[in-house]
Amino acid sequence: MLNSIKRLLARMALVVGPILGLAPTAAYAICDVDYVVQGGDNLFSIAEAHYGGRDRWSLIYYRNQSELVGSSVIPGRKLYIPCPPEDNTPDATPLQKADAELTLLTGNGVGPFTNKSLPGQGMVTELVNAALELSPSPVSYAINWDDTWSGHLPKLGKQEFDMGFPWTKPDCAAQPDHERCTSFHFSDPLVSIPVMLFVRDDQQFPFAKDADIEGKTLCRPSDQFVSDLERAGRRWLSDGKIDLIQPETAVQCFELLQQGKVDAVSVDLFLGASTIVDLNLREKVVPLEQPVGETSLHVVISKRHWRGTSHLYRVNAGLQSLRDSGRFEEIMSRHLELFWAQLQ
């Protein structure tokens, strides 16, 4: 299962460096020293040994990029271990202020994308920070955290906050009356995520073409969109080509799979992989190599917001600058590597 996910992550990021073991084997040392990489080391284990925590691994990464391959360390190479910045060192996000012109709303618990305990507070949070710092005519901004996700869109609709992330976008061409389509503008995609079919390892489930799915029973949580199942030329649901069961959670879907009540679970790669690990289903459940669809994460802003167009332009222009500079792929690769390491 893990090898299949690693291949899919590598395909998604285009370039993801190899991961070494997680056990911290580096000898303890103070900062402002050189360290020779040992077998079994990685950036996270070295940071833990030198700083007492993995969250400062990026200090080593940015100081030693010429000695790394992607974001992977090479045994035998010498790395400089810098000291953590003092409180008066310029911040990497100087536009972030408590009393800011632009306020954004997010929350913990969305896979590797937004989590205050992760480096950069998650992949998407780091991308949003970097995009706003690179945007034309940048403004000060604040990122607010609220883990009650059901309240985010109503608050954005009332303009208690200016923008929110990360949100999936419905197929607004096929569903123009969907509440998110009628009420919100969406940024360009922050991250595109493959939607996979997860199946029992002891079951035969070929999937090379759409016809292979006909007659199958799939499971997808009720809060997930199904537009990929209904896209033009497919129409699996409306034409009765498949049965779809929609419990509340991905955990329930995987339990039904184990009980033989569904043929496959259809969720995005990150949710599926994390759930498999949480339920101790490694090697019992595997993702098929071919995605069944794709979803994407966006920044959203209410269509009633008087500065909606200008704020959205800032985000989109900043994202384009990120891509042009190569930093977009670098941020993606680092977070995908961390996600893979956590799965291991």
Foldseek 3Di string as FASTA:
>chain_A
DLVLLVVVLCVQLVHFDDDFADAQPFAADEAQDKGADAHRDFLQSVCCRHVVGSLPSVQQCVQQVVQADLRGHDGGDITHGHDDDDPPPDDPQNLEDPPWPAEEEEEDDPFQAAACVHHCRGLVNVLQSQLLVQFPPHTRYHYDYDHPVVCVVVCLLVPVHFKYWWDWDAPCVVVVPPPCNVWKDWADFLGKFFKWWKAFLPDDQDDPDLLSCFPFEEEEAPVDDCVLCCDPPHHCPVVVRYHYDHHHDPLVRVVCRVVVNGGTYIGTSRRVLVSCLVVVCVVGMDTDNDGSGMIGITMMHTPPDPCRVVVSSSNRRSSVVCVVVVVSSSSSNVSSNVSSNVSD
